[in-house]
Amino acid sequence: MGQILSLLLLVNIFCLVYYLVSARILFRQRRQLEESKSEFLSILSHELKTPLTSMTGYGEILYRYLMKKQDVLASKITIKMNLQISSLSRLMDELLNLSIIDNGGYKPKKVLFNLNRLVRETAEEIEAASGIRRITVKGQTEELVYGDQRQIRQVIFNLLLNSVKFSRPASPILLHYRKNEKNLLFKIKDEGFGIPEEHHERIFEKFYQIDKTRRKDDPSLGLGLYLSREMVRRHGGRIWFESREGQGSSFYFTLTA
C-alpha cells in the first residue's frame, strides 16, 4: 500500500512539473508571438505611411490644378480619392498607435496649449472629411491647458468620427467641453442609430465592431474607441457613454487639469 501511494505521489509530482513547464513554454511562445505581431504592425505602419503622405500631397496638388482648369467632374473625383487616402492613412495611424500601446508605450508628452483652437480645428477637420457642416461646438477655456495635445486631439477626432459614421447625414452633433479646478470634461452627443444594449459591455474592446455591414464604404479596424480609452487612461481620466438604440449616443471623457 505504501509503495502504491509513493508511486501515485511521484506521478502527481511529475504531472505538476510537466504542466508547469508546459505553461511556461506556452507563455514564452505567446509573448514572443505578441512581440513579433507588434513589431510587424509597427514596421507595416511606418512603411505605408511614407507613400500615403506623398499620395496625399500629390492629390492636393492635382485638386488645385483641376480647380484652376474649372474641371468640376475631375475635381469631385479627386476629392473622393483624397478622402479614401485619408481613410487609409487613419488606419495606418491606428495600427501604429496599437503597436505602441501594446508595447507599454504612449506616455503623454504634456505641454501647455490652446484647447479652444485644438477643439475647433478638430471639428473643422471632421466636417471637411464628411462634407457636411453639422457639428456644434460649445465651450471655452480662458487659459492654456496642460496635456498631450496630439493624444487629446486624437480622442476628440475618434469620438466625432464615430458620431458621424453612425448618424444620418443631416442629424446634428454636439461637442461640449468645460474646465473646472480638477479636470476637463468633454461630451460628444449625437442623434444617430444608438448602441444596442447587448454591445454596451464590449464597445471599448480591441477590434470590436457593432455592425460591419452598416458602413461598407468606410474601412475600419474597430480600434478607435479602444485607443481613445487607453489615451484617456494615460492622462489619468476616464471615458464612458450613454446610449439607447434608435435614440443616439453621448460619449464623455475626463482629463486631469
Protein backbone atom coordinates (compact mmCIF):
# COMPACT_ATOMS: atom_id res chain seq x y z
CA MET A 1 0.00 0.00 0.00
CA GLY A 2 2.82 2.36 0.90
CA GLN A 3 4.55 1.66 -2.43
CA ILE A 4 1.34 2.44 -4.33
CA LEU A 5 0.91 5.76 -2.50
CA SER A 6 4.53 6.66 -3.16
CA LEU A 7 4.07 5.83 -6.85
CA LEU A 8 0.90 7.95 -7.05
CA LEU A 9 2.72 10.82 -5.33
CA LEU A 10 5.58 10.61 -7.82
CA VAL A 11 3.10 10.54 -10.72
CA ASN A 12 1.31 13.60 -9.34
CA ILE A 13 4.60 15.46 -8.87
CA PHE A 14 5.65 14.55 -12.42
CA CYS A 15 2.32 15.75 -13.83
CA LEU A 16 2.54 19.00 -11.87
CA VAL A 17 6.09 19.67 -13.10
CA TYR A 18 5.04 18.78 -16.66
CA TYR A 19 2.12 21.22 -16.62
CA LEU A 20 4.21 23.99 -15.05
CA VAL A 21 6.92 23.58 -17.69
CA SER A 22 4.30 23.41 -20.47
CA ALA A 23 2.60 26.54 -19.17
CA ARG A 24 5.92 28.38 -19.04
CA ILE A 25 6.73 27.34 -22.61
CA LEU A 26 3.29 28.40 -23.85
CA PHE A 27 3.58 31.74 -22.05
CA ARG A 28 7.02 32.37 -23.58
CA GLN A 29 5.75 31.43 -27.07
CA ARG A 30 2.72 33.69 -26.69
CA ARG A 31 4.87 36.60 -25.52
CA GLN A 32 7.23 36.11 -28.47
CA LEU A 33 4.22 35.99 -30.81
CA GLU A 34 2.83 39.22 -29.33
CA GLU A 35 6.22 40.92 -29.67
CA SER A 36 6.52 39.76 -33.29
CA LYS A 37 2.99 40.94 -34.05
CA SER A 38 3.64 44.37 -32.52
CA GLU A 39 6.93 44.69 -34.40
CA PHE A 40 5.22 43.71 -37.66
CA LEU A 41 2.41 46.26 -37.14
CA SER A 42 4.93 48.99 -36.36
CA ILE A 43 7.04 48.25 -39.46
CA LEU A 44 3.94 47.95 -41.66
CA SER A 45 2.56 51.27 -40.44
CA HIS A 46 5.84 53.13 -40.91
CA GLU A 47 6.46 51.67 -44.37
CA LEU A 48 2.97 52.53 -45.63
CA LYS A 49 2.80 55.99 -44.08
CA THR A 50 5.57 57.37 -46.31
CA PRO A 51 3.87 56.65 -49.68
CA LEU A 52 0.48 57.67 -48.24
CA THR A 53 1.90 61.05 -47.23
CA SER A 54 3.23 61.53 -50.75
CA MET A 55 -0.10 60.48 -52.27
CA THR A 56 -1.93 62.99 -50.07
CA GLY A 57 0.38 65.79 -51.22
CA TYR A 58 0.06 64.88 -54.89
CA GLY A 59 -3.72 64.61 -54.52
CA GLU A 60 -3.97 68.13 -53.11
CA ILE A 61 -1.77 69.50 -55.91
CA LEU A 62 -3.92 67.73 -58.51
CA TYR A 63 -7.12 69.09 -56.96
CA ARG A 64 -5.86 72.68 -57.02
CA TYR A 65 -4.72 72.27 -60.63
CA LEU A 66 -8.09 70.90 -61.74
CA MET A 67 -9.94 73.68 -59.91
CA LYS A 68 -7.91 76.27 -61.82
CA LYS A 69 -8.85 74.47 -65.03
CA GLN A 70 -12.50 74.54 -63.83
CA ASP A 71 -12.82 70.80 -64.39
CA VAL A 72 -15.65 70.19 -61.91
CA LEU A 73 -16.14 66.47 -62.54
CA ALA A 74 -12.44 65.63 -62.26
CA SER A 75 -12.23 67.80 -59.12
CA LYS A 76 -15.04 65.82 -57.47
CA ILE A 77 -13.32 62.54 -58.34
CA THR A 78 -10.07 63.89 -56.86
CA ILE A 79 -11.88 64.86 -53.64
CA LYS A 80 -13.20 61.29 -53.28
CA MET A 81 -9.73 59.91 -53.97
CA ASN A 82 -8.21 62.16 -51.30
CA LEU A 83 -10.87 61.09 -48.78
CA GLN A 84 -10.04 57.42 -49.38
CA ILE A 85 -6.34 58.15 -48.96
CA SER A 86 -7.14 59.93 -45.67
CA SER A 87 -9.17 56.91 -44.50
CA LEU A 88 -6.29 54.57 -45.28
CA SER A 89 -3.87 56.91 -43.53
CA ARG A 90 -6.07 56.84 -40.40
CA LEU A 91 -5.98 53.03 -40.45
CA MET A 92 -2.19 53.12 -40.53
CA ASP A 93 -2.16 55.59 -37.62
CA GLU A 94 -4.41 53.25 -35.63
CA LEU A 95 -2.11 50.27 -36.28
CA LEU A 96 0.93 52.29 -35.26
CA ASN A 97 -0.79 53.55 -32.09
CA LEU A 98 -1.86 49.99 -31.28
CA SER A 99 1.68 48.65 -31.54
CA ILE A 100 2.98 51.45 -29.29
CA ILE A 101 0.29 50.90 -26.64
CA ASP A 102 0.67 47.11 -26.70
CA ASN A 103 4.38 47.55 -26.02
CA GLY A 104 3.65 49.65 -22.96
CA GLY A 105 4.44 52.97 -24.61
CA TYR A 106 2.48 56.15 -25.28
CA LYS A 107 3.39 58.09 -22.19
CA PRO A 108 1.77 61.53 -22.65
CA LYS A 109 4.13 64.33 -23.68
CA LYS A 110 2.42 67.17 -21.82
CA VAL A 111 2.78 70.80 -22.80
CA LEU A 112 0.71 73.96 -22.39
CA PHE A 113 -1.56 74.50 -25.40
CA ASN A 114 -4.70 76.30 -26.56
CA LEU A 115 -7.57 73.84 -26.09
CA ASN A 116 -10.14 76.10 -27.77
CA ARG A 117 -8.16 76.15 -31.01
CA LEU A 118 -7.48 72.40 -30.89
CA VAL A 119 -11.19 71.58 -30.45
CA ARG A 120 -12.25 73.97 -33.20
CA GLU A 121 -9.67 72.70 -35.69
CA THR A 122 -10.52 69.05 -34.98
CA ALA A 123 -14.24 69.69 -35.53
CA GLU A 124 -13.48 71.53 -38.78
CA GLU A 125 -11.32 68.62 -39.95
CA ILE A 126 -14.15 66.15 -39.35
CA GLU A 127 -16.60 68.41 -41.18
CA ALA A 128 -14.24 68.72 -44.14
CA ALA A 129 -13.84 64.93 -44.30
CA SER A 130 -17.60 64.27 -44.08
CA GLY A 131 -18.54 67.14 -46.39
CA ILE A 132 -21.33 68.36 -44.07
CA ARG A 133 -21.20 71.21 -41.54
CA ARG A 134 -23.27 69.88 -38.64
CA ILE A 135 -21.01 69.92 -35.58
CA THR A 136 -21.88 72.47 -32.90
CA VAL A 137 -19.03 73.32 -30.54
CA LYS A 138 -19.89 74.71 -27.11
CA GLY A 139 -17.23 75.54 -24.57
CA GLN A 140 -14.47 77.98 -23.82
CA THR A 141 -11.45 77.99 -21.54
CA GLU A 142 -9.79 81.29 -20.72
CA GLU A 143 -6.38 79.77 -20.07
CA LEU A 144 -3.97 77.29 -21.62
CA VAL A 145 -4.33 73.64 -20.59
CA TYR A 146 -1.59 71.12 -19.79
CA GLY A 147 -1.60 67.80 -21.64
CA ASP A 148 -0.55 65.84 -24.71
CA GLN A 149 -2.37 67.77 -27.42
CA ARG A 150 -1.76 65.07 -30.04
CA GLN A 151 -3.45 62.40 -27.94
CA ILE A 152 -6.28 64.69 -26.80
CA ARG A 153 -6.92 65.69 -30.40
CA GLN A 154 -6.95 62.01 -31.40
CA VAL A 155 -9.57 61.14 -28.78
CA ILE A 156 -11.84 64.01 -29.86
CA PHE A 157 -11.32 63.08 -33.51
CA ASN A 158 -12.17 59.41 -32.89
CA LEU A 159 -15.36 60.18 -30.99
CA LEU A 160 -16.56 62.77 -33.50
CA LEU A 161 -15.81 60.43 -36.39
CA ASN A 162 -17.76 57.70 -34.63
CA SER A 163 -20.77 60.01 -34.31
CA VAL A 164 -20.56 60.95 -37.99
CA LYS A 165 -20.34 57.31 -39.08
CA PHE A 166 -23.35 56.17 -37.10
CA SER A 167 -25.66 59.13 -37.65
CA ARG A 168 -27.92 60.15 -40.51
CA PRO A 169 -26.32 62.71 -42.88
CA ALA A 170 -28.33 65.71 -41.65
CA SER A 171 -28.52 64.93 -37.92
CA PRO A 172 -26.67 67.32 -35.57
CA ILE A 173 -23.65 66.53 -33.41
CA LEU A 174 -22.78 68.46 -30.25
CA LEU A 175 -19.26 68.79 -28.86
CA HIS A 176 -19.28 70.38 -25.41
CA TYR A 177 -16.35 70.86 -23.07
CA ARG A 178 -15.59 72.71 -19.85
CA LYS A 179 -12.78 73.03 -17.34
CA ASN A 180 -13.02 73.11 -13.56
CA GLU A 181 -10.43 73.04 -10.80
CA LYS A 182 -9.79 69.29 -11.04
CA ASN A 183 -10.36 68.21 -14.62
CA LEU A 184 -11.53 68.77 -18.17
CA LEU A 185 -14.89 67.26 -19.11
CA PHE A 186 -15.84 66.55 -22.73
CA LYS A 187 -19.19 65.44 -24.13
CA ILE A 188 -19.89 64.34 -27.72
CA LYS A 189 -23.61 63.87 -28.32
CA ASP A 190 -25.33 62.66 -31.48
CA GLU A 191 -28.84 61.71 -32.57
CA GLY A 192 -27.73 58.66 -34.53
CA PHE A 193 -28.59 54.98 -34.53
CA GLY A 194 -27.55 54.39 -30.93
CA ILE A 195 -25.82 51.33 -29.49
CA PRO A 196 -27.86 48.18 -28.77
CA GLU A 197 -27.65 47.22 -25.11
CA GLU A 198 -26.07 43.82 -25.83
CA HIS A 199 -22.97 45.64 -27.15
CA HIS A 200 -22.51 48.02 -24.22
CA GLU A 201 -20.02 45.91 -22.25
CA ARG A 202 -17.75 45.26 -25.23
CA ILE A 203 -17.77 48.60 -27.01
CA PHE A 204 -14.24 49.55 -25.84
CA GLU A 205 -12.67 46.19 -26.70
CA LYS A 206 -9.85 45.96 -29.20
CA PHE A 207 -11.07 45.28 -32.80
CA TYR A 208 -14.71 45.20 -31.67
CA GLN A 209 -17.27 46.41 -34.21
CA ILE A 210 -21.03 46.62 -33.70
CA ASP A 211 -22.11 46.35 -37.32
CA LYS A 212 -19.58 45.56 -40.03
CA THR A 213 -22.19 45.83 -42.80
CA ARG A 214 -23.61 49.26 -41.97
CA ARG A 215 -20.57 51.20 -43.23
CA LYS A 216 -19.14 49.12 -46.05
CA ASP A 217 -17.85 52.25 -47.78
CA ASP A 218 -15.74 53.26 -44.79
CA PRO A 219 -12.85 50.98 -43.77
CA SER A 220 -12.49 50.42 -40.04
CA LEU A 221 -10.46 48.18 -37.76
CA GLY A 222 -12.60 48.64 -34.68
CA LEU A 223 -9.76 50.35 -32.82
CA GLY A 224 -10.97 53.94 -32.39
CA LEU A 225 -12.76 53.53 -29.06
CA TYR A 226 -10.12 51.16 -27.67
CA LEU A 227 -7.30 53.59 -28.48
CA SER A 228 -9.33 56.51 -27.11
CA ARG A 229 -9.83 54.69 -23.80
CA GLU A 230 -6.12 53.91 -23.50
CA MET A 231 -5.11 57.51 -24.26
CA VAL A 232 -7.62 58.89 -21.74
CA ARG A 233 -6.34 56.47 -19.09
CA ARG A 234 -2.79 57.65 -19.68
CA HIS A 235 -3.98 61.15 -18.86
CA GLY A 236 -5.44 60.00 -15.55
CA GLY A 237 -9.00 60.31 -16.85
CA ARG A 238 -11.89 58.04 -17.66
CA ILE A 239 -14.29 57.55 -20.58
CA TRP A 240 -17.89 56.31 -20.63
CA PHE A 241 -21.08 56.61 -22.63
CA GLU A 242 -24.87 56.64 -22.53
CA SER A 243 -26.83 55.21 -25.42
CA ARG A 244 -30.13 53.66 -26.41
CA GLU A 245 -30.79 52.04 -29.76
CA GLY A 246 -32.53 54.44 -32.12
CA GLN A 247 -32.00 57.42 -29.80
CA GLY A 248 -28.38 58.37 -30.33
CA SER A 249 -25.33 58.27 -28.07
CA SER A 250 -23.43 60.54 -25.70
CA PHE A 251 -19.76 59.87 -25.04
CA TYR A 252 -17.98 61.52 -22.13
CA PHE A 253 -14.36 61.64 -21.08
CA THR A 254 -12.36 63.48 -18.44
CA LEU A 255 -8.73 64.53 -18.27
CA THR A 256 -6.85 65.74 -15.23
CA ALA A 257 -6.46 69.50 -15.47
